[in-house]
């Protein structure tokens, strides 16, 4: 299982890559494996400001539908346009082409509550 160092993780299996005041958010390799084949992703929160742990979208797989949660508070700046026609990118490349949203982080101190790759690995 792939758990890249340099990213931060939630207990709900989202990851965030921090670049200054911006974060790129997706679901982990573990999460996509548990879900199975992803068939649809719905994210209708573009432009909204959400609090940490609020739902920013849903991901539908053959087995189930799951909510996706904000790792930190922030404004949804962009939704990955590739996912509309190719939701399976989440299965193929969860840390690359399968990213979900880009956010403007509103409270960087919330990053301190997230898990490092080592702590996330221990959680699993």
PDB file of N, CA and C in Angstrom:
ATOM      1  N   UNK A   1       0.840  -1.184   0.000  1.00  0.00           N
ATOM      2  CA  UNK A   1       0.000   0.000   0.000  1.00  0.00           C
ATOM      3  C   UNK A   1       0.882   1.243   0.000  1.00  0.00           C
ATOM      4  N   UNK A   2       0.466   2.204  -0.776  1.00  0.00           N
ATOM      5  CA  UNK A   2       1.249   3.425  -0.966  1.00  0.00           C
ATOM      6  C   UNK A   2       0.803   4.493   0.032  1.00  0.00           C
ATOM      7  N   UNK A   3       1.730   4.949   0.886  1.00  0.00           N
ATOM      8  CA  UNK A   3       1.471   6.037   1.837  1.00  0.00           C
ATOM      9  C   UNK A   3       2.637   7.023   1.714  1.00  0.00           C
ATOM     10  N   UNK A   4       2.550   7.977   0.774  1.00  0.00           N
ATOM     11  CA  UNK A   4       3.678   8.881   0.542  1.00  0.00           C
ATOM     12  C   UNK A   4       4.005   9.749   1.760  1.00  0.00           C
ATOM     13  N   UNK A   5       5.289   9.888   2.022  1.00  0.00           N
ATOM     14  CA  UNK A   5       5.744  10.848   3.026  1.00  0.00           C
ATOM     15  C   UNK A   5       5.522  12.247   2.447  1.00  0.00           C
ATOM     16  N   UNK A   6       5.456  13.257   3.286  1.00  0.00           N
ATOM     17  CA  UNK A   6       5.292  14.614   2.796  1.00  0.00           C
ATOM     18  C   UNK A   6       3.843  15.044   2.662  1.00  0.00           C
ATOM     19  N   UNK A   7       2.912  14.103   2.826  1.00  0.00           N
ATOM     20  CA  UNK A   7       1.495  14.433   2.847  1.00  0.00           C
ATOM     21  C   UNK A   7       1.014  14.297   4.284  1.00  0.00           C
ATOM     22  N   UNK A   8      -0.127  14.890   4.580  1.00  0.00           N
ATOM     23  CA  UNK A   8      -0.768  14.717   5.882  1.00  0.00           C
ATOM     24  C   UNK A   8      -2.069  13.953   5.665  1.00  0.00           C
ATOM     25  N   UNK A   9      -2.477  13.189   6.681  1.00  0.00           N
ATOM     26  CA  UNK A   9      -3.601  12.265   6.540  1.00  0.00           C
ATOM     27  C   UNK A   9      -4.622  12.452   7.653  1.00  0.00           C
ATOM     28  N   UNK A  10      -5.880  12.105   7.348  1.00  0.00           N
ATOM     29  CA  UNK A  10      -6.936  12.121   8.363  1.00  0.00           C
ATOM     30  C   UNK A  10      -7.248  10.679   8.760  1.00  0.00           C
ATOM     31  N   UNK A  11      -7.926  10.540   9.890  1.00  0.00           N
ATOM     32  CA  UNK A  11      -8.383   9.208  10.315  1.00  0.00           C
ATOM     33  C   UNK A  11      -9.477   8.684   9.396  1.00  0.00           C
ATOM     34  N   UNK A  12     -10.095   9.591   8.615  1.00  0.00           N
ATOM     35  CA  UNK A  12     -11.144   9.206   7.659  1.00  0.00           C
ATOM     36  C   UNK A  12     -10.581   8.884   6.276  1.00  0.00           C
ATOM     37  N   UNK A  13      -9.258   8.832   6.162  1.00  0.00           N
ATOM     38  CA  UNK A  13      -8.563   8.383   4.945  1.00  0.00           C
ATOM     39  C   UNK A  13      -8.543   9.408   3.812  1.00  0.00           C
ATOM     40  N   UNK A  14      -8.550  10.707   4.173  1.00  0.00           N
ATOM     41  CA  UNK A  14      -8.238  11.745   3.193  1.00  0.00           C
ATOM     42  C   UNK A  14      -6.779  12.142   3.378  1.00  0.00           C
ATOM     43  N   UNK A  15      -6.195  12.707   2.320  1.00  0.00           N
ATOM     44  CA  UNK A  15      -4.833  13.244   2.416  1.00  0.00           C
ATOM     45  C   UNK A  15      -4.861  14.699   1.952  1.00  0.00           C
ATOM     46  N   UNK A  16      -3.860  15.442   2.390  1.00  0.00           N
ATOM     47  CA  UNK A  16      -3.702  16.823   1.936  1.00  0.00           C
ATOM     48  C   UNK A  16      -2.225  17.085   1.677  1.00  0.00           C
ATOM     49  N   UNK A  17      -1.974  17.715   0.543  1.00  0.00           N
ATOM     50  CA  UNK A  17      -0.623  18.180   0.202  1.00  0.00           C
ATOM     51  C   UNK A  17      -0.657  19.690   0.344  1.00  0.00           C
ATOM     52  N   UNK A  18       0.161  20.209   1.247  1.00  0.00           N
ATOM     53  CA  UNK A  18       0.151  21.637   1.543  1.00  0.00           C
ATOM     54  C   UNK A  18       1.195  22.350   0.698  1.00  0.00           C
ATOM     55  N   UNK A  19       0.754  23.405   0.003  1.00  0.00           N
ATOM     56  CA  UNK A  19       1.639  24.254  -0.805  1.00  0.00           C
ATOM     57  C   UNK A  19       1.331  25.699  -0.431  1.00  0.00           C
ATOM     58  N   UNK A  20       2.052  26.224   0.561  1.00  0.00           N
ATOM     59  CA  UNK A  20       1.781  27.582   1.044  1.00  0.00           C
ATOM     60  C   UNK A  20       0.449  27.615   1.761  1.00  0.00           C
ATOM     61  N   UNK A  21      -0.471  28.479   1.277  1.00  0.00           N
ATOM     62  CA  UNK A  21      -1.807  28.589   1.872  1.00  0.00           C
ATOM     63  C   UNK A  21      -2.823  27.700   1.168  1.00  0.00           C
ATOM     64  N   UNK A  22      -2.356  26.920   0.210  1.00  0.00           N
ATOM     65  CA  UNK A  22      -3.234  26.071  -0.588  1.00  0.00           C
ATOM     66  C   UNK A  22      -3.014  24.609  -0.217  1.00  0.00           C
ATOM     67  N   UNK A  23      -4.067  23.833  -0.331  1.00  0.00           N
ATOM     68  CA  UNK A  23      -3.958  22.396  -0.108  1.00  0.00           C
ATOM     69  C   UNK A  23      -4.622  21.645  -1.238  1.00  0.00           C
ATOM     70  N   UNK A  24      -4.025  20.538  -1.638  1.00  0.00           N
ATOM     71  CA  UNK A  24      -4.635  19.624  -2.602  1.00  0.00           C
ATOM     72  C   UNK A  24      -5.106  18.433  -1.785  1.00  0.00           C
ATOM     73  N   UNK A  25      -6.369  18.041  -1.964  1.00  0.00           N
ATOM     74  CA  UNK A  25      -6.996  17.024  -1.130  1.00  0.00           C
ATOM     75  C   UNK A  25      -7.456  15.851  -1.991  1.00  0.00           C
ATOM     76  N   UNK A  26      -7.300  14.642  -1.456  1.00  0.00           N
ATOM     77  CA  UNK A  26      -7.801  13.442  -2.117  1.00  0.00           C
ATOM     78  C   UNK A  26      -8.055  12.365  -1.089  1.00  0.00           C
ATOM     79  N   UNK A  27      -8.365  11.162  -1.567  1.00  0.00           N
ATOM     80  CA  UNK A  27      -8.514  10.026  -0.659  1.00  0.00           C
ATOM     81  C   UNK A  27      -7.290   9.121  -0.803  1.00  0.00           C
ATOM     82  N   UNK A  28      -7.013   8.373   0.234  1.00  0.00           N
ATOM     83  CA  UNK A  28      -5.799   7.559   0.265  1.00  0.00           C
ATOM     84  C   UNK A  28      -5.926   6.286  -0.574  1.00  0.00           C
ATOM     85  N   UNK A  29      -4.786   5.692  -0.819  1.00  0.00           N
ATOM     86  CA  UNK A  29      -4.716   4.413  -1.522  1.00  0.00           C
ATOM     87  C   UNK A  29      -5.515   3.364  -0.755  1.00  0.00           C
ATOM     88  N   UNK A  30      -5.416   3.370   0.566  1.00  0.00           N
ATOM     89  CA  UNK A  30      -6.184   2.437   1.403  1.00  0.00           C
ATOM     90  C   UNK A  30      -7.680   2.627   1.150  1.00  0.00           C
ATOM     91  N   UNK A  31      -8.142   3.889   1.167  1.00  0.00           N
ATOM     92  CA  UNK A  31      -9.574   4.176   0.993  1.00  0.00           C
ATOM     93  C   UNK A  31     -10.081   3.704  -0.363  1.00  0.00           C
ATOM     94  N   UNK A  32      -9.327   4.006  -1.430  1.00  0.00           N
ATOM     95  CA  UNK A  32      -9.803   3.587  -2.762  1.00  0.00           C
ATOM     96  C   UNK A  32      -9.827   2.068  -2.863  1.00  0.00           C
ATOM     97  N   UNK A  33      -8.883   1.403  -2.190  1.00  0.00           N
ATOM     98  CA  UNK A  33      -8.862  -0.064  -2.192  1.00  0.00           C
ATOM     99  C   UNK A  33     -10.062  -0.656  -1.476  1.00  0.00           C
ATOM    100  N   UNK A  34     -10.442  -0.031  -0.359  1.00  0.00           N
ATOM    101  CA  UNK A  34     -11.615  -0.484   0.400  1.00  0.00           C
ATOM    102  C   UNK A  34     -12.908  -0.238  -0.374  1.00  0.00           C
ATOM    103  N   UNK A  35     -12.972   0.880  -1.095  1.00  0.00           N
ATOM    104  CA  UNK A  35     -14.174   1.218  -1.855  1.00  0.00           C
ATOM    105  C   UNK A  35     -14.367   0.293  -3.051  1.00  0.00           C
ATOM    106  N   UNK A  36     -13.285  -0.092  -3.690  1.00  0.00           N
ATOM    107  CA  UNK A  36     -13.374  -0.843  -4.933  1.00  0.00           C
ATOM    108  C   UNK A  36     -13.450   0.119  -6.111  1.00  0.00           C
ATOM    109  N   UNK A  37     -13.989  -0.343  -7.225  1.00  0.00           N
ATOM    110  CA  UNK A  37     -14.006   0.457  -8.453  1.00  0.00           C
ATOM    111  C   UNK A  37     -14.881   1.694  -8.296  1.00  0.00           C
ATOM    112  N   UNK A  38     -14.253   2.868  -8.400  1.00  0.00           N
ATOM    113  CA  UNK A  38     -14.964   4.134  -8.291  1.00  0.00           C
ATOM    114  C   UNK A  38     -15.686   4.410  -9.604  1.00  0.00           C
ATOM    115  N   UNK A  39     -16.999   4.680  -9.515  1.00  0.00           N
ATOM    116  CA  UNK A  39     -17.799   4.887 -10.723  1.00  0.00           C
ATOM    117  C   UNK A  39     -18.334   6.311 -10.850  1.00  0.00           C
ATOM    118  N   UNK A  40     -18.377   7.069  -9.741  1.00  0.00           N
ATOM    119  CA  UNK A  40     -18.932   8.417  -9.809  1.00  0.00           C
ATOM    120  C   UNK A  40     -18.439   9.233  -8.619  1.00  0.00           C
ATOM    121  N   UNK A  41     -18.143  10.497  -8.868  1.00  0.00           N
ATOM    122  CA  UNK A  41     -17.728  11.412  -7.809  1.00  0.00           C
ATOM    123  C   UNK A  41     -18.589  12.664  -7.930  1.00  0.00           C
ATOM    124  N   UNK A  42     -19.176  13.077  -6.813  1.00  0.00           N
ATOM    125  CA  UNK A  42     -20.017  14.271  -6.804  1.00  0.00           C
ATOM    126  C   UNK A  42     -19.440  15.277  -5.816  1.00  0.00           C
ATOM    127  N   UNK A  43     -19.004  16.404  -6.350  1.00  0.00           N
ATOM    128  CA  UNK A  43     -18.483  17.495  -5.522  1.00  0.00           C
ATOM    129  C   UNK A  43     -19.145  18.773  -6.016  1.00  0.00           C
ATOM    130  N   UNK A  44     -20.077  19.287  -5.223  1.00  0.00           N
ATOM    131  CA  UNK A  44     -20.822  20.490  -5.609  1.00  0.00           C
ATOM    132  C   UNK A  44     -20.538  21.638  -4.647  1.00  0.00           C
ATOM    133  N   UNK A  45     -19.349  21.634  -4.052  1.00  0.00           N
ATOM    134  CA  UNK A  45     -19.013  22.627  -3.031  1.00  0.00           C
ATOM    135  C   UNK A  45     -18.011  23.669  -3.526  1.00  0.00           C
ATOM    136  N   UNK A  46     -17.728  23.706  -4.826  1.00  0.00           N
ATOM    137  CA  UNK A  46     -16.781  24.688  -5.355  1.00  0.00           C
ATOM    138  C   UNK A  46     -17.226  26.094  -4.967  1.00  0.00           C
ATOM    139  N   UNK A  47     -16.279  26.883  -4.465  1.00  0.00           N
ATOM    140  CA  UNK A  47     -16.563  28.245  -4.053  1.00  0.00           C
ATOM    141  C   UNK A  47     -17.046  28.373  -2.621  1.00  0.00           C
ATOM    142  N   UNK A  48     -17.369  27.245  -1.992  1.00  0.00           N
ATOM    143  CA  UNK A  48     -17.856  27.279  -0.611  1.00  0.00           C
ATOM    144  C   UNK A  48     -16.688  27.206   0.371  1.00  0.00           C
ATOM    145  N   UNK A  49     -16.911  27.792   1.540  1.00  0.00           N
ATOM    146  CA  UNK A  49     -15.949  27.670   2.633  1.00  0.00           C
ATOM    147  C   UNK A  49     -16.522  26.680   3.632  1.00  0.00           C
ATOM    148  N   UNK A  50     -15.765  25.625   3.902  1.00  0.00           N
ATOM    149  CA  UNK A  50     -16.215  24.558   4.786  1.00  0.00           C
ATOM    150  C   UNK A  50     -15.280  24.437   5.983  1.00  0.00           C
ATOM    151  N   UNK A  51     -15.827  23.935   7.075  1.00  0.00           N
ATOM    152  CA  UNK A  51     -15.035  23.710   8.276  1.00  0.00           C
ATOM    153  C   UNK A  51     -14.388  22.332   8.221  1.00  0.00           C
ATOM    154  N   UNK A  52     -13.339  22.175   8.999  1.00  0.00           N
ATOM    155  CA  UNK A  52     -12.671  20.882   9.131  1.00  0.00           C
ATOM    156  C   UNK A  52     -13.709  19.812   9.459  1.00  0.00           C
ATOM    157  N   UNK A  53     -13.611  18.684   8.770  1.00  0.00           N
ATOM    158  CA  UNK A  53     -14.455  17.499   8.937  1.00  0.00           C
ATOM    159  C   UNK A  53     -15.854  17.641   8.357  1.00  0.00           C
ATOM    160  N   UNK A  54     -16.162  18.781   7.691  1.00  0.00           N
ATOM    161  CA  UNK A  54     -17.434  18.869   6.978  1.00  0.00           C
ATOM    162  C   UNK A  54     -17.320  18.100   5.666  1.00  0.00           C
ATOM    163  N   UNK A  55     -18.450  17.612   5.177  1.00  0.00           N
ATOM    164  CA  UNK A  55     -18.483  16.841   3.927  1.00  0.00           C
ATOM    165  C   UNK A  55     -18.308  17.793   2.746  1.00  0.00           C
ATOM    166  N   UNK A  56     -17.331  17.478   1.867  1.00  0.00           N
ATOM    167  CA  UNK A  56     -17.157  18.305   0.664  1.00  0.00           C
ATOM    168  C   UNK A  56     -17.649  17.607  -0.588  1.00  0.00           C
ATOM    169  N   UNK A  57     -17.965  16.325  -0.497  1.00  0.00           N
ATOM    170  CA  UNK A  57     -18.457  15.591  -1.659  1.00  0.00           C
ATOM    171  C   UNK A  57     -18.691  14.132  -1.315  1.00  0.00           C
ATOM    172  N   UNK A  58     -19.167  13.394  -2.323  1.00  0.00           N
ATOM    173  CA  UNK A  58     -19.362  11.954  -2.142  1.00  0.00           C
ATOM    174  C   UNK A  58     -18.649  11.204  -3.257  1.00  0.00           C
ATOM    175  N   UNK A  59     -18.284   9.983  -2.926  1.00  0.00           N
ATOM    176  CA  UNK A  59     -17.622   9.115  -3.889  1.00  0.00           C
ATOM    177  C   UNK A  59     -18.418   7.814  -3.947  1.00  0.00           C
ATOM    178  N   UNK A  60     -18.773   7.429  -5.155  1.00  0.00           N
ATOM    179  CA  UNK A  60     -19.590   6.238  -5.349  1.00  0.00           C
ATOM    180  C   UNK A  60     -18.744   5.155  -6.009  1.00  0.00           C
ATOM    181  N   UNK A  61     -18.773   3.994  -5.388  1.00  0.00           N
ATOM    182  CA  UNK A  61     -18.077   2.839  -5.941  1.00  0.00           C
ATOM    183  C   UNK A  61     -19.108   1.739  -6.162  1.00  0.00           C
ATOM    184  N   UNK A  62     -18.666   0.652  -6.767  1.00  0.00           N
ATOM    185  CA  UNK A  62     -19.567  -0.458  -7.035  1.00  0.00           C
ATOM    186  C   UNK A  62     -20.188  -0.956  -5.725  1.00  0.00           C
ATOM    187  N   UNK A  63     -19.396  -0.972  -4.652  1.00  0.00           N
ATOM    188  CA  UNK A  63     -19.850  -1.515  -3.369  1.00  0.00           C
ATOM    189  C   UNK A  63     -20.678  -0.544  -2.530  1.00  0.00           C
ATOM    190  N   UNK A  64     -20.383   0.759  -2.587  1.00  0.00           N
ATOM    191  CA  UNK A  64     -20.940   1.689  -1.602  1.00  0.00           C
ATOM    192  C   UNK A  64     -20.814   3.143  -2.052  1.00  0.00           C
ATOM    193  N   UNK A  65     -21.449   4.043  -1.310  1.00  0.00           N
ATOM    194  CA  UNK A  65     -21.270   5.482  -1.473  1.00  0.00           C
ATOM    195  C   UNK A  65     -20.717   6.012  -0.155  1.00  0.00           C
ATOM    196  N   UNK A  66     -19.676   6.846  -0.231  1.00  0.00           N
ATOM    197  CA  UNK A  66     -19.054   7.386   0.978  1.00  0.00           C
ATOM    198  C   UNK A  66     -18.923   8.897   0.880  1.00  0.00           C
ATOM    199  N   UNK A  67     -19.048   9.541   2.042  1.00  0.00           N
ATOM    200  CA  UNK A  67     -18.781  10.973   2.117  1.00  0.00           C
ATOM    201  C   UNK A  67     -17.279  11.208   2.144  1.00  0.00           C
ATOM    202  N   UNK A  68     -16.866  12.376   1.670  1.00  0.00           N
ATOM    203  CA  UNK A  68     -15.470  12.808   1.774  1.00  0.00           C
ATOM    204  C   UNK A  68     -15.446  14.044   2.652  1.00  0.00           C
ATOM    205  N   UNK A  69     -14.499  14.088   3.578  1.00  0.00           N
ATOM    206  CA  UNK A  69     -14.462  15.109   4.609  1.00  0.00           C
ATOM    207  C   UNK A  69     -13.265  16.034   4.439  1.00  0.00           C
ATOM    208  N   UNK A  70     -13.474  17.315   4.759  1.00  0.00           N
ATOM    209  CA  UNK A  70     -12.391  18.300   4.708  1.00  0.00           C
ATOM    210  C   UNK A  70     -11.346  17.965   5.772  1.00  0.00           C
ATOM    211  N   UNK A  71     -10.067  17.881   5.397  1.00  0.00           N
ATOM    212  CA  UNK A  71      -9.029  17.629   6.396  1.00  0.00           C
ATOM    213  C   UNK A  71      -8.772  18.846   7.282  1.00  0.00           C
ATOM    214  N   UNK A  72      -8.975  20.046   6.725  1.00  0.00           N
ATOM    215  CA  UNK A  72      -8.854  21.314   7.454  1.00  0.00           C
ATOM    216  C   UNK A  72      -9.900  22.280   6.892  1.00  0.00           C
ATOM    217  N   UNK A  73     -10.174  23.350   7.622  1.00  0.00           N
ATOM    218  CA  UNK A  73     -11.122  24.360   7.152  1.00  0.00           C
ATOM    219  C   UNK A  73     -10.541  25.110   5.962  1.00  0.00           C
ATOM    220  N   UNK A  74     -11.414  25.474   5.025  1.00  0.00           N
ATOM    221  CA  UNK A  74     -10.948  26.251   3.888  1.00  0.00           C
ATOM    222  C   UNK A  74     -12.000  26.406   2.809  1.00  0.00           C
ATOM    223  N   UNK A  75     -11.643  27.208   1.811  1.00  0.00           N
ATOM    224  CA  UNK A  75     -12.516  27.461   0.667  1.00  0.00           C
ATOM    225  C   UNK A  75     -12.134  26.530  -0.470  1.00  0.00           C
ATOM    226  N   UNK A  76     -13.142  25.896  -1.065  1.00  0.00           N
ATOM    227  CA  UNK A  76     -12.908  25.022  -2.222  1.00  0.00           C
ATOM    228  C   UNK A  76     -12.641  25.914  -3.430  1.00  0.00           C
ATOM    229  N   UNK A  77     -11.405  25.913  -3.895  1.00  0.00           N
ATOM    230  CA  UNK A  77     -11.006  26.749  -5.034  1.00  0.00           C
ATOM    231  C   UNK A  77     -11.265  26.063  -6.366  1.00  0.00           C
ATOM    232  N   UNK A  78     -11.077  24.753  -6.382  1.00  0.00           N
ATOM    233  CA  UNK A  78     -11.146  24.027  -7.658  1.00  0.00           C
ATOM    234  C   UNK A  78     -11.503  22.570  -7.394  1.00  0.00           C
ATOM    235  N   UNK A  79     -12.295  22.011  -8.293  1.00  0.00           N
ATOM    236  CA  UNK A  79     -12.616  20.586  -8.278  1.00  0.00           C
ATOM    237  C   UNK A  79     -11.890  19.968  -9.469  1.00  0.00           C
ATOM    238  N   UNK A  80     -11.300  18.801  -9.275  1.00  0.00           N
ATOM    239  CA  UNK A  80     -10.567  18.136 -10.359  1.00  0.00           C
ATOM    240  C   UNK A  80     -11.515  17.847 -11.524  1.00  0.00           C
ATOM    241  N   UNK A  81     -11.352  18.540 -12.670  1.00  0.00           N
ATOM    242  CA  UNK A  81     -12.268  18.361 -13.797  1.00  0.00           C
ATOM    243  C   UNK A  81     -12.143  16.989 -14.460  1.00  0.00           C
ATOM    244  N   UNK A  82     -11.013  16.335 -14.296  1.00  0.00           N
ATOM    245  CA  UNK A  82     -10.793  15.019 -14.915  1.00  0.00           C
ATOM    246  C   UNK A  82     -11.745  13.951 -14.360  1.00  0.00           C
ATOM    247  N   UNK A  83     -12.168  14.128 -13.109  1.00  0.00           N
ATOM    248  CA  UNK A  83     -12.921  13.069 -12.435  1.00  0.00           C
ATOM    249  C   UNK A  83     -14.328  12.886 -12.968  1.00  0.00           C
ATOM    250  N   UNK A  84     -14.860  13.926 -13.627  1.00  0.00           N
ATOM    251  CA  UNK A  84     -16.217  13.802 -14.162  1.00  0.00           C
ATOM    252  C   UNK A  84     -16.288  12.691 -15.201  1.00  0.00           C
ATOM    253  N   UNK A  85     -15.315  12.654 -16.106  1.00  0.00           N
ATOM    254  CA  UNK A  85     -15.305  11.646 -17.169  1.00  0.00           C
ATOM    255  C   UNK A  85     -14.446  10.432 -16.848  1.00  0.00           C
ATOM    256  N   UNK A  86     -13.583  10.552 -15.838  1.00  0.00           N
ATOM    257  CA  UNK A  86     -12.676   9.445 -15.504  1.00  0.00           C
ATOM    258  C   UNK A  86     -12.548   9.284 -13.979  1.00  0.00           C
ATOM    259  N   UNK A  87     -13.666   8.933 -13.306  1.00  0.00           N
ATOM    260  CA  UNK A  87     -13.600   8.775 -11.847  1.00  0.00           C
ATOM    261  C   UNK A  87     -12.637   7.670 -11.411  1.00  0.00           C
ATOM    262  N   UNK A  88     -12.341   6.745 -12.318  1.00  0.00           N
ATOM    263  CA  UNK A  88     -11.423   5.649 -11.991  1.00  0.00           C
ATOM    264  C   UNK A  88      -9.976   6.124 -11.797  1.00  0.00           C
ATOM    265  N   UNK A  89      -9.689   7.399 -12.095  1.00  0.00           N
ATOM    266  CA  UNK A  89      -8.346   7.940 -11.801  1.00  0.00           C
ATOM    267  C   UNK A  89      -8.048   7.819 -10.308  1.00  0.00           C
ATOM    268  N   UNK A  90      -9.101   7.860  -9.496  1.00  0.00           N
ATOM    269  CA  UNK A  90      -8.934   7.710  -8.043  1.00  0.00           C
ATOM    270  C   UNK A  90      -8.356   6.334  -7.728  1.00  0.00           C
ATOM    271  N   UNK A  91      -8.787   5.304  -8.445  1.00  0.00           N
ATOM    272  CA  UNK A  91      -8.250   3.953  -8.237  1.00  0.00           C
ATOM    273  C   UNK A  91      -6.837   3.828  -8.801  1.00  0.00           C
ATOM    274  N   UNK A  92      -6.612   4.422  -9.963  1.00  0.00           N
ATOM    275  CA  UNK A  92      -5.328   4.268 -10.649  1.00  0.00           C
ATOM    276  C   UNK A  92      -4.218   5.107 -10.030  1.00  0.00           C
ATOM    277  N   UNK A  93      -4.550   6.331  -9.605  1.00  0.00           N
ATOM    278  CA  UNK A  93      -3.523   7.282  -9.169  1.00  0.00           C
ATOM    279  C   UNK A  93      -4.087   8.210  -8.076  1.00  0.00           C
ATOM    280  N   UNK A  94      -4.367   7.646  -6.866  1.00  0.00           N
ATOM    281  CA  UNK A  94      -5.050   8.439  -5.839  1.00  0.00           C
ATOM    282  C   UNK A  94      -4.271   9.666  -5.361  1.00  0.00           C
ATOM    283  N   UNK A  95      -2.941   9.646  -5.479  1.00  0.00           N
ATOM    284  CA  UNK A  95      -2.134  10.782  -5.016  1.00  0.00           C
ATOM    285  C   UNK A  95      -1.690  11.698  -6.154  1.00  0.00           C
ATOM    286  N   UNK A  96      -2.094  11.377  -7.365  1.00  0.00           N
ATOM    287  CA  UNK A  96      -1.715  12.174  -8.526  1.00  0.00           C
ATOM    288  C   UNK A  96      -2.951  12.654  -9.256  1.00  0.00           C
ATOM    289  N   UNK A  97      -3.257  12.025 -10.400  1.00  0.00           N
ATOM    290  CA  UNK A  97      -4.392  12.449 -11.226  1.00  0.00           C
ATOM    291  C   UNK A  97      -5.740  12.280 -10.533  1.00  0.00           C
ATOM    292  N   UNK A  98      -5.776  11.508  -9.453  1.00  0.00           N
ATOM    293  CA  UNK A  98      -7.040  11.256  -8.746  1.00  0.00           C
ATOM    294  C   UNK A  98      -7.339  12.219  -7.613  1.00  0.00           C
ATOM    295  N   UNK A  99      -6.633  13.367  -7.545  1.00  0.00           N
ATOM    296  CA  UNK A  99      -6.941  14.345  -6.491  1.00  0.00           C
ATOM    297  C   UNK A  99      -8.370  14.842  -6.651  1.00  0.00           C
ATOM    298  N   UNK A 100      -8.941  15.323  -5.537  1.00  0.00           N
ATOM    299  CA  UNK A 100     -10.350  15.734  -5.540  1.00  0.00           C
ATOM    300  C   UNK A 100     -10.535  17.245  -5.670  1.00  0.00           C
ATOM    301  N   UNK A 101      -9.982  17.998  -4.691  1.00  0.00           N
ATOM    302  CA  UNK A 101     -10.202  19.449  -4.655  1.00  0.00           C
ATOM    303  C   UNK A 101      -8.922  20.171  -4.265  1.00  0.00           C
ATOM    304  N   UNK A 102      -8.861  21.434  -4.677  1.00  0.00           N
ATOM    305  CA  UNK A 102      -7.833  22.356  -4.189  1.00  0.00           C
ATOM    306  C   UNK A 102      -8.541  23.337  -3.274  1.00  0.00           C
ATOM    307  N   UNK A 103      -7.922  23.609  -2.117  1.00  0.00           N
ATOM    308  CA  UNK A 103      -8.554  24.494  -1.147  1.00  0.00           C
ATOM    309  C   UNK A 103      -7.598  25.609  -0.727  1.00  0.00           C
ATOM    310  N   UNK A 104      -8.182  26.727  -0.302  1.00  0.00           N
ATOM    311  CA  UNK A 104      -7.423  27.789   0.353  1.00  0.00           C
ATOM    312  C   UNK A 104      -7.597  27.540   1.838  1.00  0.00           C
ATOM    313  N   UNK A 105      -6.507  27.180   2.506  1.00  0.00           N
ATOM    314  CA  UNK A 105      -6.545  26.810   3.918  1.00  0.00           C
ATOM    315  C   UNK A 105      -6.815  28.066   4.752  1.00  0.00           C
ATOM    316  N   UNK A 106      -7.856  27.999   5.620  1.00  0.00           N
ATOM    317  CA  UNK A 106      -8.165  29.170   6.432  1.00  0.00           C
ATOM    318  C   UNK A 106      -7.502  29.152   7.801  1.00  0.00           C
ATOM    319  N   UNK A 107      -7.159  27.972   8.316  1.00  0.00           N
ATOM    320  CA  UNK A 107      -6.532  27.901   9.643  1.00  0.00           C
ATOM    321  C   UNK A 107      -5.418  26.856   9.615  1.00  0.00           C
ATOM    322  N   UNK A 108      -4.197  27.331   9.360  1.00  0.00           N
ATOM    323  CA  UNK A 108      -3.067  26.400   9.220  1.00  0.00           C
ATOM    324  C   UNK A 108      -2.765  25.642  10.511  1.00  0.00           C
ATOM    325  N   UNK A 109      -3.214  26.146  11.668  1.00  0.00           N
ATOM    326  CA  UNK A 109      -2.958  25.431  12.923  1.00  0.00           C
ATOM    327  C   UNK A 109      -3.695  24.090  12.954  1.00  0.00           C
ATOM    328  N   UNK A 110      -4.760  23.956  12.156  1.00  0.00           N
ATOM    329  CA  UNK A 110      -5.487  22.685  12.092  1.00  0.00           C
ATOM    330  C   UNK A 110      -4.640  21.566  11.484  1.00  0.00           C
ATOM    331  N   UNK A 111      -3.633  21.927  10.715  1.00  0.00           N
ATOM    332  CA  UNK A 111      -2.745  20.919  10.116  1.00  0.00           C
ATOM    333  C   UNK A 111      -2.044  20.101  11.197  1.00  0.00           C
ATOM    334  N   UNK A 112      -1.835  20.715  12.379  1.00  0.00           N
ATOM    335  CA  UNK A 112      -1.142  20.030  13.475  1.00  0.00           C
ATOM    336  C   UNK A 112      -1.890  18.803  13.979  1.00  0.00           C
ATOM    337  N   UNK A 113      -3.196  18.745  13.751  1.00  0.00           N
ATOM    338  CA  UNK A 113      -3.993  17.614  14.240  1.00  0.00           C
ATOM    339  C   UNK A 113      -4.014  16.444  13.252  1.00  0.00           C
ATOM    340  N   UNK A 114      -3.421  16.627  12.077  1.00  0.00           N
ATOM    341  CA  UNK A 114      -3.417  15.564  11.066  1.00  0.00           C
ATOM    342  C   UNK A 114      -2.262  14.593  11.305  1.00  0.00           C
ATOM    343  N   UNK A 115      -2.339  13.454  10.638  1.00  0.00           N
ATOM    344  CA  UNK A 115      -1.360  12.387  10.819  1.00  0.00           C
ATOM    345  C   UNK A 115      -0.240  12.469   9.792  1.00  0.00           C
ATOM    346  N   UNK A 116       0.975  12.204  10.232  1.00  0.00           N
ATOM    347  CA  UNK A 116       2.088  12.029   9.300  1.00  0.00           C
ATOM    348  C   UNK A 116       1.924  10.669   8.623  1.00  0.00           C
ATOM    349  N   UNK A 117       2.713  10.404   7.601  1.00  0.00           N
ATOM    350  CA  UNK A 117       2.656   9.104   6.917  1.00  0.00           C
ATOM    351  C   UNK A 117       2.898   7.966   7.908  1.00  0.00           C
ATOM    352  N   UNK A 118       3.843   8.143   8.819  1.00  0.00           N
ATOM    353  CA  UNK A 118       4.166   7.096   9.803  1.00  0.00           C
ATOM    354  C   UNK A 118       2.980   6.849  10.744  1.00  0.00           C
ATOM    355  N   UNK A 119       2.348   7.931  11.201  1.00  0.00           N
ATOM    356  CA  UNK A 119       1.206   7.774  12.114  1.00  0.00           C
ATOM    357  C   UNK A 119       0.001   7.181  11.391  1.00  0.00           C
ATOM    358  N   UNK A 120      -0.186   7.557  10.126  1.00  0.00           N
ATOM    359  CA  UNK A 120      -1.287   6.993   9.349  1.00  0.00           C
ATOM    360  C   UNK A 120      -1.061   5.486   9.136  1.00  0.00           C
ATOM    361  N   UNK A 121       0.170   5.129   8.824  1.00  0.00           N
ATOM    362  CA  UNK A 121       0.506   3.712   8.639  1.00  0.00           C
ATOM    363  C   UNK A 121       0.208   2.929   9.916  1.00  0.00           C
ATOM    364  N   UNK A 122       0.540   3.511  11.079  1.00  0.00           N
ATOM    365  CA  UNK A 122       0.269   2.854  12.365  1.00  0.00           C
ATOM    366  C   UNK A 122      -1.236   2.722  12.605  1.00  0.00           C
ATOM    367  N   UNK A 123      -2.011   3.721  12.172  1.00  0.00           N
ATOM    368  CA  UNK A 123      -3.476   3.671  12.320  1.00  0.00           C
ATOM    369  C   UNK A 123      -4.063   2.487  11.554  1.00  0.00           C
ATOM    370  N   UNK A 124      -3.525   2.239  10.368  1.00  0.00           N
ATOM    371  CA  UNK A 124      -4.048   1.154   9.527  1.00  0.00           C
ATOM    372  C   UNK A 124      -3.692  -0.190  10.119  1.00  0.00           C
TER     373      UNK A 124
END
